[in-house]
Amino acid sequence: MRDSPVRTSLDPGKSKHLGRRLLPRAPGPFAGPNFLNLDEPARSGPRHHVLSPKRQEAKPMSPQLIRTLIAGALFVHGVGHTLGFWMPTRSWVLARFLGEPTLRVVSSVFWVVSAIGFVAACLAFLGIVIPHEWWRSLALVTAVLSLVGLILFIGNWPAFNTVGAVGMNVAVLVALLWAKWPPESLIGR
């Protein structure tokens, strides 16, 4: 026979009967109720504002942040192509026709032109040195050239780099050709 029934109060400050003793609930961020009430909004310490009615509509990213992210992605992808100089050169197609020194030259041309092309697209996107109107053409041509180089020299790069480079090239092609993104109104030129 128990002294009192088991209490499961939703008030975190209340005690809970366990066996013959009343154990106080531990203070702190984990002192919430035992059972979730799915009818009420979730509240978990300092993050409760995330689900508040004031934050139901997400704020869009600023055009300046979008411009910075696009320029940064083009620049980093271009600089990443410079790693091709340090990789051994193998080609599943060209190795039958070309020797090792010639393969290295052909490979280097692909990576140098791709690196210069993406950095130039970044500069054109920002309107630095190169006219802004050229950035889409530079990015498209360079993405196609980079994809051709990746296909011809597959296996030279670590798999993670290859997947990332193919993903970036495909993202550039899809964004510019299919989605027509970003619109000129967004990038402010």
Protein backbone atom coordinates (compact mmCIF):
# COMPACT_ATOMS: atom_id res chain seq x y z
CA MET A 1 0.00 0.00 0.00
CA ARG A 2 1.31 3.41 -0.97
CA ASP A 3 1.22 6.57 1.06
CA SER A 4 0.04 8.64 -1.90
CA PRO A 5 -0.59 8.07 -5.61
CA VAL A 6 2.15 8.63 -8.19
CA ARG A 7 2.14 12.23 -9.29
CA THR A 8 3.09 13.22 -12.79
CA SER A 9 2.66 16.94 -12.60
CA LEU A 10 3.47 19.10 -15.59
CA ASP A 11 4.93 21.67 -13.23
CA PRO A 12 8.70 21.06 -13.27
CA GLY A 13 9.04 22.41 -9.72
CA LYS A 14 6.77 19.76 -8.22
CA SER A 15 8.03 16.56 -6.71
CA LYS A 16 7.35 13.08 -8.03
CA HIS A 17 6.50 10.12 -5.84
CA LEU A 18 8.85 7.21 -6.41
CA GLY A 19 8.42 4.21 -4.16
CA ARG A 20 8.00 5.45 -0.58
CA ARG A 21 9.99 8.67 -1.03
CA LEU A 22 9.21 11.95 -2.68
CA LEU A 23 12.12 12.93 -4.90
CA PRO A 24 12.41 16.56 -5.92
CA ARG A 25 12.89 17.18 -9.62
CA ALA A 26 16.36 18.24 -10.65
CA PRO A 27 16.70 21.94 -11.34
CA GLY A 28 18.09 23.16 -14.65
CA PRO A 29 17.30 22.80 -18.34
CA PHE A 30 16.29 19.13 -18.07
CA ALA A 31 13.67 19.67 -15.38
CA GLY A 32 10.73 19.58 -17.80
CA PRO A 33 7.67 17.33 -17.63
CA ASN A 34 7.91 13.57 -18.13
CA PHE A 35 5.37 13.44 -20.95
CA LEU A 36 5.24 15.60 -24.05
CA ASN A 37 2.09 17.56 -24.59
CA LEU A 38 1.77 17.67 -28.36
CA ASP A 39 -1.02 20.24 -28.23
CA GLU A 40 1.33 22.94 -26.93
CA PRO A 41 4.25 24.51 -28.80
CA ALA A 42 7.61 23.02 -27.94
CA ARG A 43 9.75 24.96 -25.50
CA SER A 44 13.29 23.86 -24.93
CA GLY A 45 15.23 26.40 -22.99
CA PRO A 46 16.76 29.28 -24.87
CA ARG A 47 15.51 28.03 -28.26
CA HIS A 48 11.81 28.56 -27.48
CA HIS A 49 11.75 31.70 -29.64
CA VAL A 50 12.36 29.59 -32.77
CA LEU A 51 8.83 28.18 -32.63
CA SER A 52 7.10 31.31 -31.39
CA PRO A 53 4.34 32.86 -33.52
CA LYS A 54 6.56 35.88 -34.18
CA ARG A 55 8.99 33.69 -36.17
CA GLN A 56 6.55 31.67 -38.26
CA GLU A 57 7.67 33.35 -41.47
CA ALA A 58 11.36 32.99 -42.30
CA LYS A 59 13.25 36.09 -43.35
CA PRO A 60 14.76 35.87 -46.84
CA MET A 61 18.50 36.20 -47.26
CA SER A 62 19.67 39.64 -48.20
CA PRO A 63 20.77 40.21 -51.80
CA GLN A 64 24.23 41.17 -50.52
CA LEU A 65 24.61 37.81 -48.75
CA ILE A 66 23.46 35.94 -51.87
CA ARG A 67 25.97 37.88 -54.01
CA THR A 68 28.75 37.08 -51.54
CA LEU A 69 27.87 33.37 -51.47
CA ILE A 70 27.74 33.09 -55.27
CA ALA A 71 31.03 34.95 -55.73
CA GLY A 72 32.68 32.90 -52.98
CA ALA A 73 31.49 29.60 -54.47
CA LEU A 74 32.80 30.52 -57.93
CA PHE A 75 36.14 31.67 -56.49
CA VAL A 76 36.69 28.64 -54.25
CA HIS A 77 35.71 26.25 -57.05
CA GLY A 78 38.18 27.99 -59.37
CA VAL A 79 41.00 27.86 -56.85
CA GLY A 80 40.23 24.18 -56.25
CA HIS A 81 41.15 23.41 -59.83
CA THR A 82 44.75 24.39 -59.11
CA LEU A 83 45.10 21.16 -57.13
CA GLY A 84 45.18 19.33 -60.47
CA PHE A 85 48.84 20.26 -60.96
CA TRP A 86 49.89 18.10 -58.04
CA MET A 87 47.93 15.00 -58.98
CA PRO A 88 49.39 12.16 -61.04
CA THR A 89 47.88 12.15 -64.50
CA ARG A 90 45.77 9.22 -65.70
CA SER A 91 43.17 9.23 -68.44
CA TRP A 92 40.97 6.34 -69.41
CA VAL A 93 40.52 7.75 -72.93
CA LEU A 94 43.66 9.70 -73.82
CA ALA A 95 46.23 7.30 -72.35
CA ARG A 96 45.89 5.07 -75.43
CA PHE A 97 46.97 7.90 -77.73
CA LEU A 98 49.24 10.14 -75.64
CA GLY A 99 52.29 9.56 -73.50
CA GLU A 100 52.68 10.63 -69.86
CA PRO A 101 54.33 14.04 -70.55
CA THR A 102 51.65 14.98 -73.09
CA LEU A 103 48.87 13.80 -70.74
CA ARG A 104 50.28 16.05 -68.04
CA VAL A 105 50.23 19.05 -70.42
CA VAL A 106 46.65 18.33 -71.55
CA SER A 107 45.52 17.85 -67.96
CA SER A 108 47.25 21.05 -66.87
CA VAL A 109 45.54 23.00 -69.66
CA PHE A 110 42.12 21.78 -68.46
CA TRP A 111 42.80 22.71 -64.84
CA VAL A 112 44.50 26.06 -65.57
CA VAL A 113 41.74 27.19 -67.93
CA SER A 114 39.07 26.00 -65.48
CA ALA A 115 40.74 27.79 -62.57
CA ILE A 116 41.13 31.02 -64.54
CA GLY A 117 37.59 30.72 -65.92
CA PHE A 118 35.89 30.35 -62.53
CA VAL A 119 37.97 33.09 -60.91
CA ALA A 120 37.19 35.33 -63.92
CA ALA A 121 33.48 34.48 -63.56
CA CYS A 122 33.71 35.49 -59.90
CA LEU A 123 35.39 38.79 -60.78
CA ALA A 124 32.86 39.47 -63.54
CA PHE A 125 29.99 38.65 -61.19
CA LEU A 126 31.34 41.27 -58.78
CA GLY A 127 32.05 43.70 -61.64
CA ILE A 128 35.77 43.82 -60.87
CA VAL A 129 38.09 44.22 -63.90
CA ILE A 130 35.80 42.14 -66.16
CA PRO A 131 32.39 43.44 -67.36
CA HIS A 132 29.53 42.12 -65.25
CA GLU A 133 27.57 40.97 -68.32
CA TRP A 134 30.21 38.27 -69.02
CA TRP A 135 29.89 36.34 -65.77
CA ARG A 136 27.13 33.95 -66.94
CA SER A 137 28.95 33.04 -70.16
CA LEU A 138 32.25 32.58 -68.33
CA ALA A 139 30.64 30.38 -65.68
CA LEU A 140 28.78 28.23 -68.25
CA VAL A 141 31.76 27.65 -70.54
CA THR A 142 34.06 26.95 -67.61
CA ALA A 143 31.60 24.52 -65.98
CA VAL A 144 31.35 22.53 -69.24
CA LEU A 145 35.16 22.55 -69.65
CA SER A 146 35.62 21.42 -66.04
CA LEU A 147 33.11 18.59 -66.50
CA VAL A 148 34.89 17.42 -69.67
CA GLY A 149 38.22 17.49 -67.81
CA LEU A 150 36.75 15.56 -64.88
CA ILE A 151 35.35 12.92 -67.24
CA LEU A 152 38.57 12.58 -69.24
CA PHE A 153 40.79 12.44 -66.17
CA ILE A 154 38.48 10.61 -63.77
CA GLY A 155 40.34 8.85 -60.99
CA ASN A 156 43.05 11.53 -60.68
CA TRP A 157 41.24 13.31 -57.87
CA PRO A 158 40.03 11.81 -54.60
CA ALA A 159 36.38 10.72 -54.82
CA PHE A 160 35.21 13.46 -52.44
CA ASN A 161 36.82 16.17 -54.61
CA THR A 162 35.41 14.65 -57.80
CA VAL A 163 31.87 14.46 -56.42
CA GLY A 164 32.12 18.02 -55.09
CA ALA A 165 33.48 19.38 -58.37
CA VAL A 166 30.85 17.58 -60.46
CA GLY A 167 28.15 18.80 -58.06
CA MET A 168 29.33 22.40 -58.34
CA ASN A 169 29.59 22.23 -62.14
CA VAL A 170 26.11 20.72 -62.43
CA ALA A 171 24.74 23.32 -59.99
CA VAL A 172 26.18 26.12 -62.15
CA LEU A 173 24.69 24.62 -65.31
CA VAL A 174 21.27 23.97 -63.76
CA ALA A 175 21.09 27.37 -62.07
CA LEU A 176 22.07 29.34 -65.15
CA LEU A 177 20.47 27.29 -67.95
CA TRP A 178 17.37 25.73 -66.45
CA ALA A 179 16.39 27.84 -63.44
CA LYS A 180 17.67 31.14 -64.90
CA TRP A 181 18.93 31.92 -61.40
CA PRO A 182 19.98 34.32 -60.00
CA PRO A 183 17.81 36.97 -61.66
CA GLU A 184 19.44 40.28 -62.46
CA SER A 185 17.01 41.99 -60.06
CA LEU A 186 18.43 39.93 -57.19
CA ILE A 187 22.09 40.57 -57.92
CA GLY A 188 21.49 44.25 -58.48
CA ARG A 189 23.35 44.93 -61.68
